[in-house]
Amino acid sequence: MMTEKEKMLAGEFYQAFDKELVEERNYAKKLCHKFNMTDPSEQEKKIEILKKLFRTDKSCWIEPPFYCDYGYNIKIGENFYANHGCIILDVNEVKIGNNVLLAPGVKISTATHPIDPVERAKGNEYALPIEIGDNVWIGAGAIIVPGVKIGANTVIGAGSVVTKDIPENVVAVGNPCKVIRKI
């Protein structure tokens, strides 16, 4: 029998208020709080907190405030930058390539709920992974929903809502986000 965490990571229905998951979210929230409250001049301290949160040895630059659910499901590449107000709900894996830039207010969410109201009422949730390729720039206020992939070298326009996969080497904008031209 699978644990709630195993179900969560497998993209199956799971119960988010399982004791283990609540403890892990609280741990991540404490690290996010510590990061967000760290003096701006203490950049090395902020980098160490993020390394602990993401369980990685890679450095990145994130402007506070930053929030996530677990941290360990965020896999960052080299030279990752996120501007102020980034939220990553990493209930499932969020794979971020090299040289990815996130403008202010970008929201990335692997978490979702069943459409069936009976399943929702039972407290079921599920999550689908998100993948962002190398050299992607995501504009201010964009929202990336569960299960999508954004190809390498792509630009997502400000305010876009990415609901489907976006290929590499394009500019895509809108709600829902659509390709408007090739790069």
N, C-alpha and C. Protein backbone atom coordinates (compact mmCIF):
# COMPACT_ATOMS: atom_id res chain seq x y z
N MET A 1 0.83 -1.18 0.00
CA MET A 1 0.00 0.00 0.00
C MET A 1 0.89 1.26 0.00
N MET A 2 0.53 2.21 -0.85
CA MET A 2 1.33 3.43 -0.99
C MET A 2 1.01 4.43 0.12
N THR A 3 2.04 5.15 0.52
CA THR A 3 1.82 6.24 1.47
C THR A 3 1.17 7.41 0.72
N GLU A 4 0.65 8.37 1.46
CA GLU A 4 0.06 9.55 0.83
C GLU A 4 1.12 10.32 0.02
N LYS A 5 2.33 10.36 0.53
CA LYS A 5 3.42 11.02 -0.19
C LYS A 5 3.72 10.29 -1.50
N GLU A 6 3.78 8.98 -1.47
CA GLU A 6 4.02 8.20 -2.70
C GLU A 6 2.91 8.43 -3.71
N LYS A 7 1.67 8.47 -3.23
CA LYS A 7 0.55 8.75 -4.14
C LYS A 7 0.69 10.15 -4.74
N MET A 8 1.04 11.11 -3.91
CA MET A 8 1.20 12.49 -4.35
C MET A 8 2.22 12.58 -5.47
N LEU A 9 3.39 11.97 -5.26
CA LEU A 9 4.46 12.04 -6.23
C LEU A 9 4.17 11.22 -7.49
N ALA A 10 3.25 10.26 -7.39
CA ALA A 10 2.86 9.45 -8.55
C ALA A 10 1.73 10.09 -9.35
N GLY A 11 1.24 11.25 -8.90
CA GLY A 11 0.15 11.92 -9.62
C GLY A 11 -1.22 11.32 -9.36
N GLU A 12 -1.34 10.56 -8.28
CA GLU A 12 -2.62 9.94 -7.91
C GLU A 12 -3.32 10.78 -6.85
N PHE A 13 -4.60 10.48 -6.62
CA PHE A 13 -5.32 11.14 -5.53
C PHE A 13 -4.59 10.85 -4.22
N TYR A 14 -4.46 11.88 -3.39
CA TYR A 14 -3.83 11.73 -2.09
C TYR A 14 -4.50 12.70 -1.12
N GLN A 15 -4.25 12.50 0.15
CA GLN A 15 -4.79 13.36 1.21
C GLN A 15 -3.69 14.31 1.68
N ALA A 16 -3.86 15.59 1.39
CA ALA A 16 -2.83 16.59 1.68
C ALA A 16 -2.60 16.81 3.17
N PHE A 17 -3.55 16.46 4.00
CA PHE A 17 -3.38 16.70 5.43
C PHE A 17 -2.86 15.48 6.18
N ASP A 18 -2.24 14.56 5.43
CA ASP A 18 -1.51 13.46 6.01
C ASP A 18 -0.40 14.04 6.90
N LYS A 19 -0.17 13.42 8.05
CA LYS A 19 0.79 13.94 9.03
C LYS A 19 2.17 14.19 8.43
N GLU A 20 2.70 13.23 7.68
CA GLU A 20 4.03 13.38 7.08
C GLU A 20 4.08 14.58 6.14
N LEU A 21 3.05 14.74 5.32
CA LEU A 21 3.02 15.85 4.36
C LEU A 21 2.88 17.20 5.05
N VAL A 22 2.08 17.26 6.09
CA VAL A 22 1.92 18.50 6.85
C VAL A 22 3.26 18.90 7.47
N GLU A 23 3.97 17.93 8.05
CA GLU A 23 5.28 18.21 8.66
C GLU A 23 6.28 18.70 7.61
N GLU A 24 6.28 18.08 6.44
CA GLU A 24 7.21 18.49 5.39
C GLU A 24 6.87 19.88 4.86
N ARG A 25 5.58 20.19 4.71
CA ARG A 25 5.19 21.54 4.27
C ARG A 25 5.57 22.58 5.32
N ASN A 26 5.35 22.26 6.59
CA ASN A 26 5.73 23.19 7.65
C ASN A 26 7.22 23.45 7.67
N TYR A 27 8.02 22.43 7.45
CA TYR A 27 9.48 22.59 7.37
C TYR A 27 9.84 23.55 6.23
N ALA A 28 9.25 23.35 5.06
CA ALA A 28 9.51 24.22 3.91
C ALA A 28 9.04 25.64 4.18
N LYS A 29 7.89 25.78 4.80
CA LYS A 29 7.37 27.12 5.10
C LYS A 29 8.27 27.86 6.09
N LYS A 30 8.84 27.13 7.04
CA LYS A 30 9.78 27.75 7.98
C LYS A 30 11.02 28.24 7.24
N LEU A 31 11.52 27.44 6.31
CA LEU A 31 12.69 27.86 5.54
C LEU A 31 12.34 29.05 4.64
N CYS A 32 11.16 29.03 4.02
CA CYS A 32 10.75 30.18 3.20
C CYS A 32 10.65 31.44 4.06
N HIS A 33 10.08 31.30 5.24
CA HIS A 33 9.97 32.45 6.14
C HIS A 33 11.35 32.98 6.51
N LYS A 34 12.25 32.07 6.86
CA LYS A 34 13.62 32.46 7.21
C LYS A 34 14.28 33.17 6.03
N PHE A 35 14.12 32.62 4.83
CA PHE A 35 14.67 33.24 3.62
C PHE A 35 14.08 34.63 3.41
N ASN A 36 12.76 34.73 3.49
CA ASN A 36 12.08 36.01 3.24
C ASN A 36 12.43 37.08 4.27
N MET A 37 12.81 36.68 5.47
CA MET A 37 13.13 37.64 6.53
C MET A 37 14.62 37.94 6.65
N THR A 38 15.43 37.26 5.85
CA THR A 38 16.88 37.49 5.90
C THR A 38 17.21 38.86 5.33
N ASP A 39 18.11 39.55 6.00
CA ASP A 39 18.54 40.88 5.56
C ASP A 39 19.06 40.80 4.13
N PRO A 40 18.69 41.76 3.27
CA PRO A 40 19.13 41.75 1.88
C PRO A 40 20.65 41.71 1.71
N SER A 41 21.39 42.23 2.68
CA SER A 41 22.85 42.24 2.57
C SER A 41 23.46 40.87 2.87
N GLU A 42 22.67 39.93 3.39
CA GLU A 42 23.18 38.61 3.75
C GLU A 42 22.88 37.59 2.64
N GLN A 43 23.39 37.88 1.45
CA GLN A 43 23.11 37.04 0.29
C GLN A 43 23.60 35.61 0.46
N GLU A 44 24.77 35.42 1.03
CA GLU A 44 25.29 34.05 1.24
C GLU A 44 24.37 33.24 2.15
N LYS A 45 23.83 33.87 3.17
CA LYS A 45 22.89 33.19 4.07
C LYS A 45 21.63 32.79 3.31
N LYS A 46 21.14 33.68 2.45
CA LYS A 46 19.95 33.37 1.64
C LYS A 46 20.21 32.20 0.70
N ILE A 47 21.40 32.18 0.08
CA ILE A 47 21.75 31.08 -0.82
C ILE A 47 21.79 29.76 -0.06
N GLU A 48 22.35 29.75 1.13
CA GLU A 48 22.42 28.53 1.93
C GLU A 48 21.02 28.03 2.33
N ILE A 49 20.12 28.94 2.65
CA ILE A 49 18.74 28.54 2.98
C ILE A 49 18.09 27.89 1.76
N LEU A 50 18.27 28.49 0.58
CA LEU A 50 17.67 27.93 -0.64
C LEU A 50 18.27 26.57 -0.98
N LYS A 51 19.56 26.41 -0.79
CA LYS A 51 20.18 25.11 -1.04
C LYS A 51 19.57 24.04 -0.13
N LYS A 52 19.32 24.40 1.11
CA LYS A 52 18.71 23.48 2.07
C LYS A 52 17.26 23.18 1.67
N LEU A 53 16.53 24.21 1.26
CA LEU A 53 15.14 24.06 0.85
C LEU A 53 15.01 23.18 -0.38
N PHE A 54 15.84 23.43 -1.39
CA PHE A 54 15.77 22.68 -2.65
C PHE A 54 16.58 21.38 -2.62
N ARG A 55 17.34 21.19 -1.54
CA ARG A 55 18.20 20.01 -1.42
C ARG A 55 19.12 19.88 -2.63
N THR A 56 19.85 20.93 -2.88
CA THR A 56 20.75 20.98 -4.02
C THR A 56 22.03 21.70 -3.65
N ASP A 57 23.05 21.51 -4.45
CA ASP A 57 24.28 22.27 -4.26
C ASP A 57 24.36 23.43 -5.24
N LYS A 58 23.37 23.57 -6.10
CA LYS A 58 23.37 24.65 -7.09
C LYS A 58 22.91 25.96 -6.45
N SER A 59 23.56 27.02 -6.87
CA SER A 59 23.17 28.35 -6.41
C SER A 59 22.12 28.93 -7.35
N CYS A 60 21.30 29.78 -6.80
CA CYS A 60 20.31 30.49 -7.60
C CYS A 60 20.10 31.85 -6.96
N TRP A 61 19.41 32.71 -7.64
CA TRP A 61 19.12 34.04 -7.12
C TRP A 61 17.61 34.21 -7.13
N ILE A 62 17.03 34.33 -5.96
CA ILE A 62 15.59 34.53 -5.83
C ILE A 62 15.37 35.76 -4.97
N GLU A 63 14.53 36.65 -5.47
CA GLU A 63 14.17 37.85 -4.72
C GLU A 63 12.98 37.53 -3.82
N PRO A 64 13.05 37.90 -2.56
CA PRO A 64 11.91 37.66 -1.67
C PRO A 64 10.74 38.59 -1.99
N PRO A 65 9.53 38.23 -1.66
CA PRO A 65 9.18 36.99 -1.01
C PRO A 65 9.09 35.83 -1.99
N PHE A 66 9.38 34.66 -1.50
CA PHE A 66 9.30 33.41 -2.25
C PHE A 66 8.57 32.40 -1.39
N TYR A 67 7.69 31.63 -2.03
CA TYR A 67 6.94 30.60 -1.30
C TYR A 67 6.90 29.32 -2.12
N CYS A 68 6.94 28.19 -1.43
CA CYS A 68 6.76 26.88 -2.06
C CYS A 68 6.12 25.94 -1.04
N ASP A 69 5.72 24.76 -1.53
CA ASP A 69 5.10 23.78 -0.63
C ASP A 69 6.11 22.86 0.05
N TYR A 70 7.03 22.30 -0.73
CA TYR A 70 7.97 21.32 -0.18
C TYR A 70 9.43 21.67 -0.44
N GLY A 71 9.72 22.30 -1.55
CA GLY A 71 11.09 22.66 -1.89
C GLY A 71 11.85 21.55 -2.56
N TYR A 72 11.82 20.34 -1.99
CA TYR A 72 12.61 19.24 -2.54
C TYR A 72 12.12 18.76 -3.90
N ASN A 73 10.92 19.15 -4.30
CA ASN A 73 10.42 18.77 -5.63
C ASN A 73 10.79 19.80 -6.71
N ILE A 74 11.51 20.85 -6.33
CA ILE A 74 11.95 21.87 -7.29
C ILE A 74 13.37 21.52 -7.69
N LYS A 75 13.55 21.19 -8.95
CA LYS A 75 14.86 20.82 -9.50
C LYS A 75 15.33 21.97 -10.40
N ILE A 76 16.31 22.73 -9.93
CA ILE A 76 16.75 23.91 -10.67
C ILE A 76 18.03 23.63 -11.44
N GLY A 77 18.14 24.30 -12.59
CA GLY A 77 19.37 24.26 -13.37
C GLY A 77 20.29 25.39 -12.94
N GLU A 78 21.37 25.56 -13.68
CA GLU A 78 22.32 26.62 -13.41
C GLU A 78 21.71 27.98 -13.76
N ASN A 79 22.14 29.02 -13.04
CA ASN A 79 21.77 30.41 -13.33
C ASN A 79 20.26 30.67 -13.28
N PHE A 80 19.58 30.09 -12.31
CA PHE A 80 18.14 30.32 -12.15
C PHE A 80 17.93 31.64 -11.41
N TYR A 81 16.98 32.43 -11.94
CA TYR A 81 16.64 33.70 -11.30
C TYR A 81 15.12 33.83 -11.23
N ALA A 82 14.61 34.17 -10.05
CA ALA A 82 13.19 34.45 -9.85
C ALA A 82 13.06 35.80 -9.17
N ASN A 83 12.28 36.68 -9.77
CA ASN A 83 12.07 38.01 -9.22
C ASN A 83 11.04 37.94 -8.09
N HIS A 84 10.74 39.06 -7.48
CA HIS A 84 9.87 39.14 -6.30
C HIS A 84 8.51 38.47 -6.53
N GLY A 85 8.03 37.83 -5.46
CA GLY A 85 6.66 37.31 -5.45
C GLY A 85 6.45 36.00 -6.17
N CYS A 86 7.48 35.22 -6.33
CA CYS A 86 7.36 33.93 -7.01
C CYS A 86 6.73 32.91 -6.04
N ILE A 87 5.80 32.12 -6.58
CA ILE A 87 5.19 31.03 -5.82
C ILE A 87 5.32 29.77 -6.67
N ILE A 88 5.90 28.72 -6.09
CA ILE A 88 5.99 27.43 -6.76
C ILE A 88 5.35 26.38 -5.86
N LEU A 89 4.18 25.91 -6.26
CA LEU A 89 3.51 24.84 -5.51
C LEU A 89 4.03 23.52 -6.05
N ASP A 90 5.04 23.01 -5.41
CA ASP A 90 5.78 21.84 -5.89
C ASP A 90 5.30 20.55 -5.24
N VAL A 91 4.03 20.28 -5.39
CA VAL A 91 3.46 19.03 -4.87
C VAL A 91 3.98 17.86 -5.69
N ASN A 92 4.29 18.11 -6.95
CA ASN A 92 4.96 17.15 -7.82
C ASN A 92 6.21 17.86 -8.33
N GLU A 93 7.00 17.19 -9.14
CA GLU A 93 8.28 17.76 -9.57
C GLU A 93 8.10 18.96 -10.49
N VAL A 94 8.89 20.00 -10.21
CA VAL A 94 9.01 21.16 -11.07
C VAL A 94 10.47 21.17 -11.53
N LYS A 95 10.66 20.85 -12.80
CA LYS A 95 12.02 20.79 -13.36
C LYS A 95 12.27 22.07 -14.14
N ILE A 96 13.27 22.82 -13.70
CA ILE A 96 13.61 24.11 -14.28
C ILE A 96 15.01 24.01 -14.88
N GLY A 97 15.11 24.30 -16.18
CA GLY A 97 16.38 24.19 -16.89
C GLY A 97 17.39 25.27 -16.52
N ASN A 98 18.46 25.31 -17.28
CA ASN A 98 19.52 26.29 -17.09
C ASN A 98 19.10 27.65 -17.65
N ASN A 99 19.59 28.72 -17.01
CA ASN A 99 19.39 30.08 -17.50
C ASN A 99 17.91 30.47 -17.62
N VAL A 100 17.11 30.04 -16.68
CA VAL A 100 15.68 30.37 -16.67
C VAL A 100 15.48 31.63 -15.84
N LEU A 101 14.67 32.54 -16.38
CA LEU A 101 14.35 33.81 -15.72
C LEU A 101 12.86 33.88 -15.47
N LEU A 102 12.48 34.18 -14.23
CA LEU A 102 11.07 34.39 -13.89
C LEU A 102 10.91 35.85 -13.46
N ALA A 103 10.01 36.56 -14.12
CA ALA A 103 9.73 37.95 -13.79
C ALA A 103 8.90 38.00 -12.50
N PRO A 104 8.61 39.19 -11.98
CA PRO A 104 7.84 39.28 -10.73
C PRO A 104 6.47 38.61 -10.82
N GLY A 105 6.08 37.98 -9.71
CA GLY A 105 4.72 37.45 -9.57
C GLY A 105 4.41 36.20 -10.36
N VAL A 106 5.41 35.46 -10.82
CA VAL A 106 5.15 34.22 -11.55
C VAL A 106 4.67 33.15 -10.57
N LYS A 107 3.65 32.42 -11.00
CA LYS A 107 3.10 31.33 -10.18
C LYS A 107 3.16 30.03 -10.98
N ILE A 108 3.76 29.03 -10.35
CA ILE A 108 3.91 27.71 -10.96
C ILE A 108 3.25 26.72 -10.01
N SER A 109 2.25 26.01 -10.50
CA SER A 109 1.51 25.11 -9.60
C SER A 109 1.32 23.74 -10.20
N THR A 110 1.90 22.74 -9.54
CA THR A 110 1.67 21.35 -9.93
C THR A 110 0.39 20.82 -9.28
N ALA A 111 -0.10 21.51 -8.27
CA ALA A 111 -1.24 21.04 -7.47
C ALA A 111 -2.56 21.33 -8.15
N THR A 112 -3.48 20.38 -8.03
CA THR A 112 -4.82 20.59 -8.57
C THR A 112 -5.82 19.74 -7.78
N HIS A 113 -7.07 19.90 -8.11
CA HIS A 113 -8.15 19.19 -7.41
C HIS A 113 -9.03 18.49 -8.42
N PRO A 114 -9.71 17.42 -8.02
CA PRO A 114 -10.60 16.72 -8.94
C PRO A 114 -11.76 17.61 -9.39
N ILE A 115 -12.18 17.43 -10.62
CA ILE A 115 -13.35 18.15 -11.12
C ILE A 115 -14.61 17.59 -10.49
N ASP A 116 -14.63 16.30 -10.21
CA ASP A 116 -15.79 15.64 -9.60
C ASP A 116 -15.97 16.18 -8.17
N PRO A 117 -17.13 16.80 -7.87
CA PRO A 117 -17.34 17.38 -6.54
C PRO A 117 -17.33 16.34 -5.41
N VAL A 118 -17.72 15.11 -5.71
CA VAL A 118 -17.71 14.06 -4.69
C VAL A 118 -16.27 13.76 -4.27
N GLU A 119 -15.37 13.66 -5.25
CA GLU A 119 -13.96 13.42 -4.95
C GLU A 119 -13.34 14.60 -4.20
N ARG A 120 -13.71 15.83 -4.62
CA ARG A 120 -13.19 17.01 -3.91
C ARG A 120 -13.65 17.02 -2.47
N ALA A 121 -14.91 16.67 -2.24
CA ALA A 121 -15.48 16.68 -0.89
C ALA A 121 -14.77 15.66 0.02
N LYS A 122 -14.21 14.61 -0.57
CA LYS A 122 -13.47 13.61 0.20
C LYS A 122 -12.09 14.14 0.62
N GLY A 123 -11.72 15.32 0.10
CA GLY A 123 -10.41 15.89 0.41
C GLY A 123 -9.31 15.43 -0.52
N ASN A 124 -9.69 14.77 -1.60
CA ASN A 124 -8.67 14.30 -2.55
C ASN A 124 -8.06 15.46 -3.33
N GLU A 125 -6.77 15.34 -3.55
CA GLU A 125 -6.02 16.26 -4.39
C GLU A 125 -5.12 15.41 -5.26
N TYR A 126 -4.54 16.01 -6.30
CA TYR A 126 -3.51 15.35 -7.07
C TYR A 126 -2.62 16.41 -7.70
N ALA A 127 -1.51 15.98 -8.27
CA ALA A 127 -0.56 16.92 -8.84
C ALA A 127 0.11 16.32 -10.06
N LEU A 128 0.43 17.18 -11.01
CA LEU A 128 1.11 16.76 -12.23
C LEU A 128 2.39 17.57 -12.40
N PRO A 129 3.47 16.93 -12.86
CA PRO A 129 4.76 17.62 -12.97
C PRO A 129 4.74 18.73 -14.01
N ILE A 130 5.67 19.66 -13.84
CA ILE A 130 5.86 20.77 -14.78
C ILE A 130 7.33 20.78 -15.17
N GLU A 131 7.59 21.05 -16.46
CA GLU A 131 8.96 21.12 -16.94
C GLU A 131 9.16 22.40 -17.73
N ILE A 132 10.22 23.11 -17.39
CA ILE A 132 10.59 24.36 -18.06
C ILE A 132 11.99 24.17 -18.63
N GLY A 133 12.12 24.31 -19.94
CA GLY A 133 13.39 24.06 -20.61
C GLY A 133 14.44 25.13 -20.36
N ASP A 134 15.62 24.92 -20.91
CA ASP A 134 16.73 25.86 -20.80
C ASP A 134 16.40 27.19 -21.49
N ASN A 135 16.95 28.27 -20.96
CA ASN A 135 16.90 29.59 -21.57
C ASN A 135 15.48 30.13 -21.75
N VAL A 136 14.60 29.79 -20.84
CA VAL A 136 13.21 30.27 -20.90
C VAL A 136 13.09 31.54 -20.06
N TRP A 137 12.30 32.47 -20.56
CA TRP A 137 11.97 33.69 -19.83
C TRP A 137 10.46 33.71 -19.68
N ILE A 138 9.99 33.80 -18.45
CA ILE A 138 8.55 33.84 -18.17
C ILE A 138 8.23 35.22 -17.61
N GLY A 139 7.31 35.93 -18.29
CA GLY A 139 6.99 37.31 -17.97
C GLY A 139 6.18 37.47 -16.68
N ALA A 140 6.11 38.71 -16.24
CA ALA A 140 5.47 39.06 -14.97
C ALA A 140 4.03 38.57 -14.89
N GLY A 141 3.70 37.98 -13.75
CA GLY A 141 2.34 37.58 -13.47
C GLY A 141 1.85 36.36 -14.23
N ALA A 142 2.73 35.68 -14.95
CA ALA A 142 2.32 34.48 -15.68
C ALA A 142 1.99 33.35 -14.70
N ILE A 143 1.10 32.49 -15.14
CA ILE A 143 0.68 31.33 -14.35
C ILE A 143 0.94 30.08 -15.18
N ILE A 144 1.62 29.12 -14.58
CA ILE A 144 1.91 27.84 -15.23
C ILE A 144 1.12 26.78 -14.47
N VAL A 145 0.20 26.09 -15.16
CA VAL A 145 -0.69 25.13 -14.50
C VAL A 145 -0.11 23.72 -14.54
N PRO A 146 -0.69 22.81 -13.77
CA PRO A 146 -0.17 21.44 -13.67
C PRO A 146 -0.05 20.72 -15.01
N GLY A 147 1.05 19.98 -15.13
CA GLY A 147 1.21 19.06 -16.24
C GLY A 147 1.76 19.63 -17.53
N VAL A 148 2.18 20.89 -17.56
CA VAL A 148 2.64 21.46 -18.82
C VAL A 148 4.17 21.43 -18.93
N LYS A 149 4.61 21.50 -20.19
CA LYS A 149 6.03 21.60 -20.51
C LYS A 149 6.22 22.83 -21.37
N ILE A 150 7.28 23.58 -21.07
CA ILE A 150 7.65 24.75 -21.85
C ILE A 150 9.01 24.45 -22.46
N GLY A 151 9.08 24.51 -23.78
CA GLY A 151 10.31 24.16 -24.49
C GLY A 151 11.42 25.18 -24.32
N ALA A 152 12.62 24.76 -24.63
CA ALA A 152 13.82 25.58 -24.50
C ALA A 152 13.73 26.84 -25.35
N ASN A 153 14.36 27.90 -24.86
CA ASN A 153 14.52 29.17 -25.58
C ASN A 153 13.21 29.92 -25.80
N THR A 154 12.17 29.56 -25.09
CA THR A 154 10.86 30.16 -25.28
C THR A 154 10.65 31.34 -24.34
N VAL A 155 9.83 32.28 -24.79
CA VAL A 155 9.43 33.43 -23.98
C VAL A 155 7.92 33.33 -23.77
N ILE A 156 7.51 33.41 -22.50
CA ILE A 156 6.09 33.44 -22.14
C ILE A 156 5.77 34.87 -21.74
N GLY A 157 4.79 35.48 -22.41
CA GLY A 157 4.45 36.88 -22.16
C GLY A 157 3.84 37.12 -20.80
N ALA A 158 3.99 38.35 -20.33
CA ALA A 158 3.44 38.75 -19.03
C ALA A 158 1.94 38.49 -18.98
N GLY A 159 1.47 38.01 -17.84
CA GLY A 159 0.05 37.77 -17.62
C GLY A 159 -0.50 36.54 -18.30
N SER A 160 0.32 35.79 -18.97
CA SER A 160 -0.16 34.59 -19.67
C SER A 160 -0.54 33.48 -18.69
N VAL A 161 -1.48 32.64 -19.12
CA VAL A 161 -1.87 31.46 -18.37
C VAL A 161 -1.56 30.26 -19.25
N VAL A 162 -0.51 29.53 -18.89
CA VAL A 162 -0.04 28.40 -19.69
C VAL A 162 -0.82 27.16 -19.28
N THR A 163 -1.74 26.72 -20.14
CA THR A 163 -2.60 25.58 -19.84
C THR A 163 -2.26 24.35 -20.67
N LYS A 164 -1.39 24.53 -21.69
CA LYS A 164 -0.97 23.42 -22.56
C LYS A 164 0.51 23.55 -22.84
N ASP A 165 1.11 22.47 -23.30
CA ASP A 165 2.54 22.49 -23.64
C ASP A 165 2.82 23.59 -24.66
N ILE A 166 3.98 24.24 -24.48
CA ILE A 166 4.44 25.27 -25.40
C ILE A 166 5.77 24.77 -25.99
N PRO A 167 5.92 24.77 -27.32
CA PRO A 167 7.14 24.25 -27.92
C PRO A 167 8.35 25.14 -27.68
N GLU A 168 9.50 24.66 -28.11
CA GLU A 168 10.72 25.44 -27.97
C GLU A 168 10.79 26.53 -29.04
N ASN A 169 11.62 27.53 -28.75
CA ASN A 169 11.94 28.59 -29.71
C ASN A 169 10.74 29.39 -30.20
N VAL A 170 9.85 29.76 -29.28
CA VAL A 170 8.68 30.56 -29.65
C VAL A 170 8.43 31.65 -28.61
N VAL A 171 7.61 32.62 -29.03
CA VAL A 171 7.03 33.58 -28.10
C VAL A 171 5.57 33.19 -27.99
N ALA A 172 5.08 33.04 -26.76
CA ALA A 172 3.69 32.65 -26.52
C ALA A 172 3.09 33.58 -25.49
N VAL A 173 1.85 34.00 -25.73
CA VAL A 173 1.19 34.94 -24.83
C VAL A 173 -0.30 34.63 -24.72
N GLY A 174 -0.93 35.21 -23.70
CA GLY A 174 -2.38 35.20 -23.59
C GLY A 174 -2.94 34.23 -22.58
N ASN A 175 -4.28 34.27 -22.52
CA ASN A 175 -5.05 33.41 -21.64
C ASN A 175 -6.21 32.83 -22.44
N PRO A 176 -6.07 31.57 -22.86
CA PRO A 176 -4.94 30.67 -22.63
C PRO A 176 -3.75 31.05 -23.50
N CYS A 177 -2.57 30.70 -23.04
CA CYS A 177 -1.32 31.05 -23.71
C CYS A 177 -1.23 30.33 -25.06
N LYS A 178 -0.91 31.12 -26.10
CA LYS A 178 -0.79 30.56 -27.46
C LYS A 178 0.47 31.12 -28.11
N VAL A 179 1.04 30.33 -28.99
CA VAL A 179 2.22 30.76 -29.75
C VAL A 179 1.81 31.88 -30.70
N ILE A 180 2.60 32.98 -30.69
CA ILE A 180 2.32 34.06 -31.63
C ILE A 180 3.40 34.19 -32.70
N ARG A 181 4.61 33.66 -32.39
CA ARG A 181 5.66 33.66 -33.42
C ARG A 181 6.82 32.77 -33.00
N LYS A 182 7.60 32.38 -34.00
CA LYS A 182 8.82 31.63 -33.74
C LYS A 182 9.96 32.58 -33.48
N ILE A 183 10.95 32.11 -32.75
CA ILE A 183 12.15 32.91 -32.49
C ILE A 183 13.20 32.49 -33.51
